[in-house]
């Protein structure tokens, strides 16, 4: 099952895992040590992150290391940018309106 990036970042634990792996590659045990949830729960989160392409796992000897693939977050950035532009225009229009109203009140 291929999941999308939005499903992955919807969960706070997965966002924390992404942040953790953004700075360094870690084995599964090292990832799990940073959380107060079970190792199987961490494995499930890692699996979801892997399915949507935000994490890759590479075998190095007996260890499996998780690597963040942050370029996948570009989809989220592009989606959010549309709404940033929209809301910036709306808030700028509101600011202009409020400034005009203030000017009218001062004239009275």
N, C-alpha and C. Protein backbone atom coordinates (compact mmCIF):
# COMPACT_ATOMS: atom_id res chain seq x y z
N UNK A 1 0.84 -1.19 0.00
CA UNK A 1 0.00 0.00 0.00
C UNK A 1 0.88 1.24 0.00
N UNK A 2 0.66 2.11 -0.95
CA UNK A 2 1.43 3.35 -1.04
C UNK A 2 0.66 4.46 -0.33
N UNK A 3 1.22 5.03 0.67
CA UNK A 3 0.59 6.12 1.42
C UNK A 3 1.12 7.45 0.89
N UNK A 4 0.43 8.53 1.22
CA UNK A 4 0.97 9.82 0.79
C UNK A 4 1.62 10.54 1.97
N UNK A 5 2.35 11.57 1.65
CA UNK A 5 3.14 12.30 2.64
C UNK A 5 2.24 12.93 3.70
N UNK A 6 1.05 13.35 3.31
CA UNK A 6 0.15 13.99 4.26
C UNK A 6 -0.28 13.02 5.36
N UNK A 7 -0.46 11.76 5.02
CA UNK A 7 -0.78 10.76 6.04
C UNK A 7 0.39 10.61 7.02
N UNK A 8 1.58 10.68 6.50
CA UNK A 8 2.76 10.50 7.35
C UNK A 8 2.91 11.63 8.34
N UNK A 9 2.75 12.86 7.89
CA UNK A 9 2.99 13.99 8.79
C UNK A 9 1.79 14.30 9.67
N UNK A 10 0.68 13.61 9.47
CA UNK A 10 -0.51 13.83 10.30
C UNK A 10 -0.28 13.40 11.74
N UNK A 11 0.63 12.50 11.97
CA UNK A 11 0.86 11.97 13.31
C UNK A 11 2.07 12.66 13.96
N UNK A 12 1.92 13.17 15.19
CA UNK A 12 3.03 13.86 15.85
C UNK A 12 4.26 12.99 16.08
N UNK A 13 4.06 11.72 16.35
CA UNK A 13 5.21 10.83 16.54
C UNK A 13 6.00 10.70 15.25
N UNK A 14 5.31 10.57 14.14
CA UNK A 14 6.03 10.47 12.86
C UNK A 14 6.75 11.77 12.52
N UNK A 15 6.13 12.90 12.86
CA UNK A 15 6.83 14.18 12.63
C UNK A 15 8.10 14.24 13.47
N UNK A 16 8.03 13.75 14.71
CA UNK A 16 9.23 13.73 15.56
C UNK A 16 10.30 12.79 15.00
N UNK A 17 9.88 11.66 14.48
CA UNK A 17 10.84 10.72 13.87
C UNK A 17 11.52 11.38 12.68
N UNK A 18 10.75 12.06 11.84
CA UNK A 18 11.34 12.75 10.69
C UNK A 18 12.35 13.78 11.17
N UNK A 19 12.00 14.56 12.18
CA UNK A 19 12.93 15.57 12.71
C UNK A 19 14.21 14.93 13.25
N UNK A 20 14.03 13.84 13.94
CA UNK A 20 15.18 13.12 14.49
C UNK A 20 16.11 12.62 13.38
N UNK A 21 15.52 12.04 12.34
CA UNK A 21 16.32 11.48 11.25
C UNK A 21 16.84 12.54 10.28
N UNK A 22 16.29 13.74 10.34
CA UNK A 22 16.77 14.81 9.46
C UNK A 22 18.21 15.17 9.76
N UNK A 23 18.62 14.99 11.02
CA UNK A 23 19.97 15.35 11.44
C UNK A 23 20.98 14.22 11.32
N UNK A 24 20.48 12.98 11.38
CA UNK A 24 21.40 11.85 11.35
C UNK A 24 20.65 10.56 11.05
N UNK A 25 21.34 9.63 10.47
CA UNK A 25 20.77 8.30 10.25
C UNK A 25 20.91 7.51 11.55
N UNK A 26 19.88 6.78 11.90
CA UNK A 26 19.89 6.01 13.14
C UNK A 26 19.38 4.61 12.88
N UNK A 27 19.84 3.67 13.69
CA UNK A 27 19.26 2.33 13.58
C UNK A 27 17.91 2.34 14.30
N UNK A 28 17.13 1.29 14.09
CA UNK A 28 15.78 1.25 14.64
C UNK A 28 15.76 1.35 16.16
N UNK A 29 16.71 0.71 16.82
CA UNK A 29 16.76 0.79 18.29
C UNK A 29 17.05 2.20 18.76
N UNK A 30 17.94 2.90 18.07
CA UNK A 30 18.27 4.28 18.45
C UNK A 30 17.06 5.19 18.26
N UNK A 31 16.29 4.96 17.22
CA UNK A 31 15.07 5.73 17.03
C UNK A 31 14.12 5.46 18.19
N UNK A 32 13.90 4.21 18.50
CA UNK A 32 12.96 3.81 19.55
C UNK A 32 13.35 4.38 20.91
N UNK A 33 14.64 4.52 21.18
CA UNK A 33 15.11 5.03 22.47
C UNK A 33 14.66 6.46 22.74
N UNK A 34 14.28 7.17 21.69
CA UNK A 34 13.87 8.57 21.83
C UNK A 34 12.38 8.74 22.14
N UNK A 35 11.66 7.64 22.29
CA UNK A 35 10.22 7.71 22.49
C UNK A 35 9.78 6.82 23.64
N UNK A 36 8.66 7.18 24.23
CA UNK A 36 8.10 6.41 25.34
C UNK A 36 6.99 5.48 24.86
N UNK A 37 7.17 4.93 23.68
CA UNK A 37 6.21 3.96 23.16
C UNK A 37 6.97 2.69 22.80
N UNK A 38 6.24 1.63 22.55
CA UNK A 38 6.88 0.33 22.32
C UNK A 38 7.66 0.30 21.01
N UNK A 39 8.60 -0.62 20.96
CA UNK A 39 9.39 -0.83 19.74
C UNK A 39 8.49 -1.23 18.56
N UNK A 40 7.47 -2.11 18.75
CA UNK A 40 6.58 -2.41 17.64
C UNK A 40 5.81 -1.19 17.13
N UNK A 41 5.45 -0.28 18.03
CA UNK A 41 4.77 0.95 17.61
C UNK A 41 5.70 1.81 16.76
N UNK A 42 6.96 1.91 17.18
CA UNK A 42 7.94 2.68 16.39
C UNK A 42 8.13 2.02 15.02
N UNK A 43 8.20 0.70 15.00
CA UNK A 43 8.35 -0.01 13.72
C UNK A 43 7.18 0.27 12.79
N UNK A 44 5.99 0.36 13.36
CA UNK A 44 4.81 0.67 12.54
C UNK A 44 4.92 2.08 11.96
N UNK A 45 5.35 3.04 12.79
CA UNK A 45 5.53 4.41 12.30
C UNK A 45 6.60 4.46 11.21
N UNK A 46 7.69 3.75 11.42
CA UNK A 46 8.76 3.71 10.43
C UNK A 46 8.24 3.09 9.13
N UNK A 47 7.43 2.05 9.23
CA UNK A 47 6.88 1.41 8.04
C UNK A 47 6.01 2.40 7.24
N UNK A 48 5.19 3.16 7.94
CA UNK A 48 4.35 4.16 7.26
C UNK A 48 5.22 5.22 6.60
N UNK A 49 6.24 5.68 7.29
CA UNK A 49 7.15 6.68 6.71
C UNK A 49 7.88 6.12 5.50
N UNK A 50 8.20 4.85 5.54
CA UNK A 50 8.87 4.19 4.41
C UNK A 50 7.92 4.07 3.23
N UNK A 51 6.67 3.70 3.51
CA UNK A 51 5.68 3.53 2.44
C UNK A 51 5.40 4.82 1.68
N UNK A 52 5.53 5.95 2.35
CA UNK A 52 5.28 7.22 1.65
C UNK A 52 6.57 7.86 1.15
N UNK A 53 7.69 7.21 1.35
CA UNK A 53 8.95 7.70 0.80
C UNK A 53 9.70 8.71 1.63
N UNK A 54 9.28 8.93 2.88
CA UNK A 54 9.98 9.88 3.73
C UNK A 54 11.18 9.28 4.45
N UNK A 55 11.23 7.96 4.52
CA UNK A 55 12.34 7.27 5.19
C UNK A 55 12.74 6.08 4.31
N UNK A 56 14.03 5.88 4.20
CA UNK A 56 14.53 4.65 3.58
C UNK A 56 15.32 3.90 4.65
N UNK A 57 15.34 2.59 4.50
CA UNK A 57 16.08 1.75 5.44
C UNK A 57 17.16 1.01 4.67
N UNK A 58 18.38 1.12 5.18
CA UNK A 58 19.51 0.46 4.54
C UNK A 58 20.14 -0.51 5.53
N UNK A 59 20.39 -1.69 5.05
CA UNK A 59 21.03 -2.72 5.87
C UNK A 59 22.53 -2.47 5.86
N UNK A 60 23.13 -2.41 7.05
CA UNK A 60 24.58 -2.28 7.19
C UNK A 60 25.02 -3.34 8.19
N UNK A 61 25.50 -4.43 7.66
CA UNK A 61 25.83 -5.56 8.54
C UNK A 61 24.55 -6.12 9.12
N UNK A 62 24.51 -6.21 10.45
CA UNK A 62 23.31 -6.73 11.10
C UNK A 62 22.33 -5.62 11.45
N UNK A 63 22.74 -4.40 11.27
CA UNK A 63 21.91 -3.25 11.65
C UNK A 63 21.11 -2.73 10.45
N UNK A 64 19.94 -2.17 10.74
CA UNK A 64 19.12 -1.51 9.73
C UNK A 64 19.07 -0.04 10.11
N UNK A 65 19.57 0.82 9.22
CA UNK A 65 19.62 2.24 9.48
C UNK A 65 18.54 2.99 8.71
N UNK A 66 17.90 3.92 9.41
CA UNK A 66 16.84 4.74 8.82
C UNK A 66 17.44 6.06 8.36
N UNK A 67 17.09 6.46 7.15
CA UNK A 67 17.55 7.73 6.57
C UNK A 67 16.32 8.54 6.17
N UNK A 68 16.32 9.83 6.49
CA UNK A 68 15.21 10.70 6.08
C UNK A 68 15.38 11.08 4.62
N UNK A 69 14.29 11.11 3.90
CA UNK A 69 14.24 11.54 2.50
C UNK A 69 13.35 12.78 2.45
N UNK A 70 13.92 13.92 2.84
CA UNK A 70 13.13 15.13 3.05
C UNK A 70 12.59 15.77 1.78
N UNK A 71 13.13 15.42 0.63
CA UNK A 71 12.63 16.01 -0.62
C UNK A 71 11.16 15.66 -0.83
N UNK A 72 10.70 14.57 -0.22
CA UNK A 72 9.29 14.20 -0.33
C UNK A 72 8.38 15.24 0.33
N UNK A 73 8.92 16.03 1.24
CA UNK A 73 8.11 17.05 1.92
C UNK A 73 7.80 18.22 1.00
N UNK A 74 8.40 18.24 -0.17
CA UNK A 74 8.14 19.32 -1.14
C UNK A 74 6.64 19.38 -1.46
N UNK A 75 5.98 18.23 -1.52
CA UNK A 75 4.53 18.21 -1.79
C UNK A 75 3.77 19.01 -0.74
N UNK A 76 4.15 18.86 0.49
CA UNK A 76 3.48 19.58 1.57
C UNK A 76 3.78 21.07 1.46
N UNK A 77 5.01 21.40 1.17
CA UNK A 77 5.40 22.80 1.04
C UNK A 77 4.64 23.47 -0.10
N UNK A 78 4.53 22.79 -1.23
CA UNK A 78 3.81 23.37 -2.37
C UNK A 78 2.33 23.55 -2.05
N UNK A 79 1.73 22.58 -1.38
CA UNK A 79 0.33 22.68 -1.01
C UNK A 79 0.11 23.84 -0.04
N UNK A 80 0.96 23.92 0.97
CA UNK A 80 0.83 24.98 1.98
C UNK A 80 1.08 26.36 1.38
N UNK A 81 1.96 26.44 0.40
CA UNK A 81 2.28 27.73 -0.23
C UNK A 81 1.05 28.35 -0.88
N UNK A 82 0.21 27.54 -1.50
CA UNK A 82 -1.02 28.06 -2.13
C UNK A 82 -1.88 28.77 -1.08
N UNK A 83 -1.98 28.16 0.07
CA UNK A 83 -2.81 28.74 1.12
C UNK A 83 -2.12 29.91 1.81
N UNK A 84 -0.81 29.91 1.86
CA UNK A 84 -0.08 31.06 2.41
C UNK A 84 -0.34 32.28 1.56
N UNK A 85 -0.26 32.12 0.23
CA UNK A 85 -0.52 33.23 -0.68
C UNK A 85 -1.96 33.72 -0.52
N UNK A 86 -2.91 32.78 -0.47
CA UNK A 86 -4.32 33.12 -0.32
C UNK A 86 -4.55 33.94 0.94
N UNK A 87 -4.05 33.43 2.08
CA UNK A 87 -4.29 34.11 3.35
C UNK A 87 -3.52 35.41 3.47
N UNK A 88 -2.36 35.49 2.86
CA UNK A 88 -1.62 36.75 2.87
C UNK A 88 -2.42 37.84 2.17
N UNK A 89 -3.01 37.51 1.02
CA UNK A 89 -3.84 38.49 0.30
C UNK A 89 -5.05 38.90 1.14
N UNK A 90 -5.71 37.92 1.76
CA UNK A 90 -6.88 38.23 2.59
C UNK A 90 -6.52 39.10 3.78
N UNK A 91 -5.42 38.77 4.44
CA UNK A 91 -5.01 39.55 5.61
C UNK A 91 -4.53 40.94 5.22
N UNK A 92 -3.87 41.07 4.08
CA UNK A 92 -3.47 42.39 3.59
C UNK A 92 -4.70 43.25 3.29
N UNK A 93 -5.72 42.66 2.69
CA UNK A 93 -6.96 43.38 2.40
C UNK A 93 -7.64 43.81 3.71
N UNK A 94 -7.63 42.94 4.71
CA UNK A 94 -8.21 43.28 6.00
C UNK A 94 -7.44 44.43 6.64
N UNK A 95 -6.13 44.37 6.56
CA UNK A 95 -5.30 45.44 7.11
C UNK A 95 -5.62 46.77 6.44
N UNK A 96 -5.73 46.77 5.12
CA UNK A 96 -6.08 47.99 4.38
C UNK A 96 -7.44 48.52 4.84
N UNK A 97 -8.41 47.63 4.96
CA UNK A 97 -9.74 48.01 5.39
C UNK A 97 -9.71 48.64 6.78
N UNK A 98 -9.00 48.00 7.71
CA UNK A 98 -8.93 48.51 9.07
C UNK A 98 -8.23 49.86 9.14
N UNK A 99 -7.20 50.05 8.33
CA UNK A 99 -6.50 51.33 8.30
C UNK A 99 -7.43 52.43 7.78
N UNK A 100 -8.24 52.13 6.77
CA UNK A 100 -9.19 53.11 6.25
C UNK A 100 -10.24 53.45 7.30
N UNK A 101 -10.71 52.42 8.02
CA UNK A 101 -11.69 52.66 9.08
C UNK A 101 -11.10 53.52 10.19
N UNK A 102 -9.86 53.28 10.54
CA UNK A 102 -9.18 54.08 11.57
C UNK A 102 -9.10 55.52 11.11
N UNK A 103 -8.74 55.72 9.84
CA UNK A 103 -8.65 57.07 9.28
C UNK A 103 -9.97 57.79 9.31
N UNK A 104 -11.05 57.10 9.04
CA UNK A 104 -12.39 57.70 9.06
C UNK A 104 -12.78 58.10 10.48
N UNK A 105 -12.44 57.26 11.45
CA UNK A 105 -12.79 57.55 12.84
C UNK A 105 -12.02 58.76 13.35
N UNK A 106 -10.77 58.91 12.93
CA UNK A 106 -9.95 60.04 13.38
C UNK A 106 -10.47 61.35 12.79
N UNK A 107 -11.04 61.31 11.60
CA UNK A 107 -11.57 62.53 10.95
C UNK A 107 -12.83 63.02 11.66
N UNK A 108 -13.56 62.15 12.30
CA UNK A 108 -14.83 62.54 12.97
C UNK A 108 -14.59 63.23 14.24
